[in-house]
All heavy atoms as atom14 arrays in JSON, in Angstrom:
{
  "sequence": "MVEYFGEQLEGYAFSQFGWVQSYGSRCVKPPI",
  "atom14_mask": [
    [1, 1, 1, 1, 1, 1, 1, 1, 0, 0, 0, 0, 0, 0],
    [1, 1, 1, 1, 1, 1, 1, 0, 0, 0, 0, 0, 0, 0],
    [1, 1, 1, 1, 1, 1, 1, 1, 1, 0, 0, 0, 0, 0],
    [1, 1, 1, 1, 1, 1, 1, 1, 1, 1, 1, 1, 0, 0],
    [1, 1, 1, 1, 1, 1, 1, 1, 1, 1, 1, 0, 0, 0],
    [1, 1, 1, 1, 0, 0, 0, 0, 0, 0, 0, 0, 0, 0],
    [1, 1, 1, 1, 1, 1, 1, 1, 1, 0, 0, 0, 0, 0],
    [1, 1, 1, 1, 1, 1, 1, 1, 1, 0, 0, 0, 0, 0],
    [1, 1, 1, 1, 1, 1, 1, 1, 0, 0, 0, 0, 0, 0],
    [1, 1, 1, 1, 1, 1, 1, 1, 1, 0, 0, 0, 0, 0],
    [1, 1, 1, 1, 0, 0, 0, 0, 0, 0, 0, 0, 0, 0],
    [1, 1, 1, 1, 1, 1, 1, 1, 1, 1, 1, 1, 0, 0],
    [1, 1, 1, 1, 1, 0, 0, 0, 0, 0, 0, 0, 0, 0],
    [1, 1, 1, 1, 1, 1, 1, 1, 1, 1, 1, 0, 0, 0],
    [1, 1, 1, 1, 1, 1, 0, 0, 0, 0, 0, 0, 0, 0],
    [1, 1, 1, 1, 1, 1, 1, 1, 1, 0, 0, 0, 0, 0],
    [1, 1, 1, 1, 1, 1, 1, 1, 1, 1, 1, 0, 0, 0],
    [1, 1, 1, 1, 0, 0, 0, 0, 0, 0, 0, 0, 0, 0],
    [1, 1, 1, 1, 1, 1, 1, 1, 1, 1, 1, 1, 1, 1],
    [1, 1, 1, 1, 1, 1, 1, 0, 0, 0, 0, 0, 0, 0],
    [1, 1, 1, 1, 1, 1, 1, 1, 1, 0, 0, 0, 0, 0],
    [1, 1, 1, 1, 1, 1, 0, 0, 0, 0, 0, 0, 0, 0],
    [1, 1, 1, 1, 1, 1, 1, 1, 1, 1, 1, 1, 0, 0],
    [1, 1, 1, 1, 0, 0, 0, 0, 0, 0, 0, 0, 0, 0],
    [1, 1, 1, 1, 1, 1, 0, 0, 0, 0, 0, 0, 0, 0],
    [1, 1, 1, 1, 1, 1, 1, 1, 1, 1, 1, 0, 0, 0],
    [1, 1, 1, 1, 1, 1, 0, 0, 0, 0, 0, 0, 0, 0],
    [1, 1, 1, 1, 1, 1, 1, 0, 0, 0, 0, 0, 0, 0],
    [1, 1, 1, 1, 1, 1, 1, 1, 1, 0, 0, 0, 0, 0],
    [1, 1, 1, 1, 1, 1, 1, 0, 0, 0, 0, 0, 0, 0],
    [1, 1, 1, 1, 1, 1, 1, 0, 0, 0, 0, 0, 0, 0],
    [1, 1, 1, 1, 1, 1, 1, 1, 0, 0, 0, 0, 0, 0]
  ],
  "atom14_positions": [
    [[-0.15, 3.28, -7.13], [-0.62, 4.68, -7.0], [-0.74, 5.13, -5.56], [-0.24, 6.17, -5.17], [-1.96, 4.82, -7.71], [-2.65, 6.17, -7.52], [-1.7, 7.54, -8.2], [-2.0, 7.3, -9.96], [0.0, 0.0, 0.0], [0.0, 0.0, 0.0], [0.0, 0.0, 0.0], [0.0, 0.0, 0.0], [0.0, 0.0, 0.0], [0.0, 0.0, 0.0]],
    [[-1.41, 4.33, -4.73], [-1.63, 4.74, -3.35], [-0.33, 4.72, -2.57], [-0.02, 5.65, -1.81], [-2.68, 3.81, -2.68], [-2.87, 4.2, -1.21], [-4.02, 3.89, -3.42], [0.0, 0.0, 0.0], [0.0, 0.0, 0.0], [0.0, 0.0, 0.0], [0.0, 0.0, 0.0], [0.0, 0.0, 0.0], [0.0, 0.0, 0.0], [0.0, 0.0, 0.0]],
    [[0.47, 3.68, -2.74], [1.72, 3.57, -2.01], [2.67, 4.7, -2.35], [3.36, 5.27, -1.5], [2.38, 2.21, -2.3], [3.61, 1.95, -1.45], [4.15, 0.53, -1.65], [3.88, -0.07, -2.72], [4.85, 0.04, -0.75], [0.0, 0.0, 0.0], [0.0, 0.0, 0.0], [0.0, 0.0, 0.0], [0.0, 0.0, 0.0], [0.0, 0.0, 0.0]],
    [[2.71, 5.08, -3.64], [3.63, 6.13, -4.08], [3.35, 7.44, -3.34], [4.27, 8.08, -2.84], [3.48, 6.36, -5.59], [4.3, 7.53, -6.09], [5.67, 7.4, -6.32], [3.72, 8.77, -6.31], [6.42, 8.46, -6.76], [4.47, 9.85, -6.74], [5.82, 9.7, -6.96], [6.57, 10.76, -7.38], [0.0, 0.0, 0.0], [0.0, 0.0, 0.0]],
    [[2.09, 7.84, -3.27], [1.78, 9.1, -2.58], [1.96, 8.98, -1.1], [2.34, 9.94, -0.42], [0.37, 9.57, -2.97], [0.3, 10.13, -4.35], [-0.35, 9.45, -5.36], [0.91, 11.33, -4.66], [-0.41, 9.95, -6.66], [0.87, 11.85, -5.94], [0.21, 11.16, -6.94], [0.0, 0.0, 0.0], [0.0, 0.0, 0.0], [0.0, 0.0, 0.0]],
    [[1.66, 7.8, -0.53], [1.88, 7.61, 0.89], [3.34, 7.8, 1.26], [3.65, 8.32, 2.34], [0.0, 0.0, 0.0], [0.0, 0.0, 0.0], [0.0, 0.0, 0.0], [0.0, 0.0, 0.0], [0.0, 0.0, 0.0], [0.0, 0.0, 0.0], [0.0, 0.0, 0.0], [0.0, 0.0, 0.0], [0.0, 0.0, 0.0], [0.0, 0.0, 0.0]],
    [[4.24, 7.39, 0.36], [5.68, 7.51, 0.63], [6.13, 8.98, 0.69], [7.19, 9.27, 1.24], [6.46, 6.79, -0.47], [6.36, 5.27, -0.35], [6.95, 4.56, -1.57], [7.14, 5.21, -2.61], [7.21, 3.35, -1.46], [0.0, 0.0, 0.0], [0.0, 0.0, 0.0], [0.0, 0.0, 0.0], [0.0, 0.0, 0.0], [0.0, 0.0, 0.0]],
    [[5.33, 9.88, 0.13], [5.68, 11.28, 0.13], [5.2, 12.02, 1.4], [5.48, 13.21, 1.57], [5.08, 12.0, -1.09], [5.17, 11.26, -2.41], [6.6, 11.09, -2.9], [7.36, 12.04, -2.86], [6.9, 9.9, -3.36], [0.0, 0.0, 0.0], [0.0, 0.0, 0.0], [0.0, 0.0, 0.0], [0.0, 0.0, 0.0], [0.0, 0.0, 0.0]],
    [[4.46, 11.31, 2.23], [3.79, 11.94, 3.38], [4.31, 11.4, 4.71], [4.78, 10.28, 4.78], [2.29, 11.7, 3.29], [1.58, 12.29, 2.08], [0.17, 11.73, 1.98], [1.53, 13.82, 2.15], [0.0, 0.0, 0.0], [0.0, 0.0, 0.0], [0.0, 0.0, 0.0], [0.0, 0.0, 0.0], [0.0, 0.0, 0.0], [0.0, 0.0, 0.0]],
    [[4.25, 12.24, 5.74], [4.55, 11.8, 7.1], [3.26, 11.25, 7.71], [2.18, 11.8, 7.49], [5.07, 12.96, 7.94], [6.36, 13.57, 7.43], [7.56, 12.65, 7.54], [7.48, 11.68, 8.35], [8.55, 12.88, 6.84], [0.0, 0.0, 0.0], [0.0, 0.0, 0.0], [0.0, 0.0, 0.0], [0.0, 0.0, 0.0], [0.0, 0.0, 0.0]],
    [[3.39, 10.19, 8.5], [2.22, 9.6, 9.16], [1.85, 8.25, 8.59], [0.87, 7.64, 9.03], [0.0, 0.0, 0.0], [0.0, 0.0, 0.0], [0.0, 0.0, 0.0], [0.0, 0.0, 0.0], [0.0, 0.0, 0.0], [0.0, 0.0, 0.0], [0.0, 0.0, 0.0], [0.0, 0.0, 0.0], [0.0, 0.0, 0.0], [0.0, 0.0, 0.0]],
    [[2.64, 7.75, 7.6], [2.44, 6.44, 7.01], [3.62, 5.55, 7.27], [4.77, 6.02, 7.32], [2.22, 6.55, 5.5], [0.87, 7.07, 5.07], [0.75, 8.35, 4.54], [-0.26, 6.27, 5.16], [-0.49, 8.84, 4.14], [-1.51, 6.74, 4.76], [-1.62, 8.02, 4.25], [-2.83, 8.49, 3.85], [0.0, 0.0, 0.0], [0.0, 0.0, 0.0]],
    [[3.37, 4.25, 7.41], [4.43, 3.25, 7.46], [4.21, 2.29, 6.3], [3.1, 2.19, 5.76], [4.38, 2.49, 8.79], [0.0, 0.0, 0.0], [0.0, 0.0, 0.0], [0.0, 0.0, 0.0], [0.0, 0.0, 0.0], [0.0, 0.0, 0.0], [0.0, 0.0, 0.0], [0.0, 0.0, 0.0], [0.0, 0.0, 0.0], [0.0, 0.0, 0.0]],
    [[5.27, 1.55, 5.94], [5.19, 0.69, 4.75], [5.7, -0.7, 5.06], [6.76, -0.86, 5.68], [6.0, 1.33, 3.61], [5.52, 2.71, 3.3], [6.07, 3.81, 3.95], [4.5, 2.91, 2.42], [5.61, 5.09, 3.7], [4.01, 4.19, 2.16], [4.57, 5.29, 2.78], [0.0, 0.0, 0.0], [0.0, 0.0, 0.0], [0.0, 0.0, 0.0]],
    [[4.94, -1.69, 4.64], [5.29, -3.09, 4.88], [6.07, -3.64, 3.7], [6.06, -3.09, 2.61], [4.02, -3.91, 5.13], [3.23, -3.92, 3.93], [0.0, 0.0, 0.0], [0.0, 0.0, 0.0], [0.0, 0.0, 0.0], [0.0, 0.0, 0.0], [0.0, 0.0, 0.0], [0.0, 0.0, 0.0], [0.0, 0.0, 0.0], [0.0, 0.0, 0.0]],
    [[6.71, -4.77, 3.95], [7.38, -5.49, 2.85], [6.41, -6.43, 2.13], [6.44, -6.55, 0.9], [8.53, -6.33, 3.42], [9.71, -5.57, 3.95], [10.66, -6.48, 4.68], [10.45, -6.79, 5.85], [11.72, -6.94, 4.0], [0.0, 0.0, 0.0], [0.0, 0.0, 0.0], [0.0, 0.0, 0.0], [0.0, 0.0, 0.0], [0.0, 0.0, 0.0]],
    [[5.54, -7.08, 2.9], [4.71, -8.14, 2.34], [3.24, -7.95, 2.71], [2.48, -8.93, 2.79], [5.21, -9.49, 2.82], [6.67, -9.73, 2.59], [7.57, -9.69, 3.62], [7.16, -9.94, 1.31], [8.92, -9.88, 3.42], [8.5, -10.13, 1.09], [9.39, -10.1, 2.14], [0.0, 0.0, 0.0], [0.0, 0.0, 0.0], [0.0, 0.0, 0.0]],
    [[2.83, -6.72, 2.96], [1.47, -6.46, 3.4], [0.48, -6.4, 2.27], [-0.29, -5.44, 2.13], [0.0, 0.0, 0.0], [0.0, 0.0, 0.0], [0.0, 0.0, 0.0], [0.0, 0.0, 0.0], [0.0, 0.0, 0.0], [0.0, 0.0, 0.0], [0.0, 0.0, 0.0], [0.0, 0.0, 0.0], [0.0, 0.0, 0.0], [0.0, 0.0, 0.0]],
    [[0.42, -7.46, 1.45], [-0.49, -7.5, 0.31], [-1.9, -7.84, 0.76], [-2.1, -8.73, 1.57], [-0.01, -8.52, -0.71], [1.33, -8.23, -1.27], [2.53, -8.76, -0.87], [1.66, -7.3, -2.31], [3.56, -8.21, -1.58], [3.05, -7.33, -2.48], [0.88, -6.45, -3.11], [3.7, -6.52, -3.43], [1.51, -5.66, -4.04], [2.91, -5.7, -4.19]],
    [[-2.87, -7.12, 0.22], [-4.28, -7.43, 0.47], [-5.03, -7.4, -0.86], [-4.6, -6.78, -1.83], [-4.92, -6.41, 1.46], [-4.28, -6.51, 2.83], [-4.83, -4.99, 0.92], [0.0, 0.0, 0.0], [0.0, 0.0, 0.0], [0.0, 0.0, 0.0], [0.0, 0.0, 0.0], [0.0, 0.0, 0.0], [0.0, 0.0, 0.0], [0.0, 0.0, 0.0]],
    [[-6.16, -8.09, -0.88], [-6.95, -8.16, -2.11], [-7.6, -6.83, -2.41], [-8.2, -6.21, -1.53], [-8.03, -9.24, -2.01], [-8.8, -9.45, -3.3], [-9.91, -10.47, -3.15], [-10.5, -10.59, -2.1], [-10.18, -11.21, -4.19], [0.0, 0.0, 0.0], [0.0, 0.0, 0.0], [0.0, 0.0, 0.0], [0.0, 0.0, 0.0], [0.0, 0.0, 0.0]],
    [[-7.45, -6.36, -3.64], [-8.12, -5.15, -4.07], [-9.42, -5.51, -4.79], [-10.5, -5.13, -4.39], [-7.2, -4.33, -4.98], [-7.88, -3.2, -5.49], [0.0, 0.0, 0.0], [0.0, 0.0, 0.0], [0.0, 0.0, 0.0], [0.0, 0.0, 0.0], [0.0, 0.0, 0.0], [0.0, 0.0, 0.0], [0.0, 0.0, 0.0], [0.0, 0.0, 0.0]],
    [[-9.3, -6.26, -5.85], [-10.48, -6.8, -6.55], [-10.01, -7.96, -7.42], [-8.88, -7.97, -7.9], [-11.16, -5.73, -7.39], [-10.28, -5.08, -8.43], [-10.12, -5.66, -9.7], [-9.6, -3.9, -8.15], [-9.3, -5.06, -10.64], [-8.78, -3.32, -9.1], [-8.63, -3.9, -10.34], [-7.81, -3.32, -11.26], [0.0, 0.0, 0.0], [0.0, 0.0, 0.0]],
    [[-10.87, -8.94, -7.59], [-10.5, -10.1, -8.4], [-9.22, -10.74, -7.9], [-9.07, -11.03, -6.71], [0.0, 0.0, 0.0], [0.0, 0.0, 0.0], [0.0, 0.0, 0.0], [0.0, 0.0, 0.0], [0.0, 0.0, 0.0], [0.0, 0.0, 0.0], [0.0, 0.0, 0.0], [0.0, 0.0, 0.0], [0.0, 0.0, 0.0], [0.0, 0.0, 0.0]],
    [[-8.26, -10.89, -8.8], [-6.97, -11.46, -8.42], [-5.92, -10.37, -8.18], [-4.76, -10.68, -7.94], [-6.47, -12.41, -9.53], [-6.32, -11.68, -10.75], [0.0, 0.0, 0.0], [0.0, 0.0, 0.0], [0.0, 0.0, 0.0], [0.0, 0.0, 0.0], [0.0, 0.0, 0.0], [0.0, 0.0, 0.0], [0.0, 0.0, 0.0], [0.0, 0.0, 0.0]],
    [[-6.33, -9.1, -8.25], [-5.38, -8.0, -8.06], [-5.18, -7.74, -6.57], [-6.14, -7.58, -5.82], [-5.86, -6.72, -8.73], [-5.0, -5.51, -8.42], [-5.42, -4.27, -9.22], [-4.85, -3.04, -8.68], [-3.59, -2.65, -8.83], [-2.75, -3.42, -9.54], [-3.15, -1.53, -8.34], [0.0, 0.0, 0.0], [0.0, 0.0, 0.0], [0.0, 0.0, 0.0]],
    [[-3.93, -7.68, -6.16], [-3.59, -7.34, -4.77], [-2.75, -6.08, -4.74], [-1.99, -5.83, -5.68], [-2.82, -8.5, -4.1], [-3.85, -9.96, -3.79], [0.0, 0.0, 0.0], [0.0, 0.0, 0.0], [0.0, 0.0, 0.0], [0.0, 0.0, 0.0], [0.0, 0.0, 0.0], [0.0, 0.0, 0.0], [0.0, 0.0, 0.0], [0.0, 0.0, 0.0]],
    [[-2.87, -5.32, -3.69], [-2.1, -4.1, -3.52], [-1.43, -4.13, -2.14], [-1.82, -4.9, -1.26], [-2.98, -2.83, -3.66], [-3.52, -2.7, -5.04], [-4.13, -2.86, -2.64], [0.0, 0.0, 0.0], [0.0, 0.0, 0.0], [0.0, 0.0, 0.0], [0.0, 0.0, 0.0], [0.0, 0.0, 0.0], [0.0, 0.0, 0.0], [0.0, 0.0, 0.0]],
    [[-0.42, -3.3, -1.98], [0.3, -3.21, -0.7], [0.14, -1.78, -0.18], [1.04, -0.96, -0.31], [1.76, -3.58, -0.92], [2.56, -3.74, 0.38], [3.83, -4.54, 0.13], [4.78, -3.84, -0.81], [5.36, -2.61, -0.22], [0.0, 0.0, 0.0], [0.0, 0.0, 0.0], [0.0, 0.0, 0.0], [0.0, 0.0, 0.0], [0.0, 0.0, 0.0]],
    [[-1.02, -1.46, 0.4], [-1.27, -0.07, 0.78], [-0.42, 0.36, 1.96], [-0.03, -0.43, 2.8], [-2.76, -0.08, 1.17], [-3.01, -1.5, 1.57], [-2.14, -2.37, 0.73], [0.0, 0.0, 0.0], [0.0, 0.0, 0.0], [0.0, 0.0, 0.0], [0.0, 0.0, 0.0], [0.0, 0.0, 0.0], [0.0, 0.0, 0.0], [0.0, 0.0, 0.0]],
    [[-0.14, 1.68, 2.04], [0.56, 2.21, 3.21], [-0.3, 2.07, 4.45], [-1.52, 2.0, 4.39], [0.82, 3.65, 2.85], [-0.01, 3.97, 1.67], [-0.45, 2.7, 1.04], [0.0, 0.0, 0.0], [0.0, 0.0, 0.0], [0.0, 0.0, 0.0], [0.0, 0.0, 0.0], [0.0, 0.0, 0.0], [0.0, 0.0, 0.0], [0.0, 0.0, 0.0]],
    [[0.36, 2.06, 5.6], [-0.34, 1.95, 6.88], [-0.43, 3.33, 7.49], [0.58, 3.94, 7.85], [0.44, 1.0, 7.82], [0.49, -0.41, 7.22], [-0.17, 0.98, 9.22], [1.49, -1.33, 7.91], [0.0, 0.0, 0.0], [0.0, 0.0, 0.0], [0.0, 0.0, 0.0], [0.0, 0.0, 0.0], [0.0, 0.0, 0.0], [0.0, 0.0, 0.0]]
  ]
}
């Protein structure tokens, strides 16, 4: 969800492997 909208905006960069823990065992790859 977050990455999708970030891709529509200027001012964000996107990693290939920038996974971070969101909660529990779920990881997300948020835009920078």
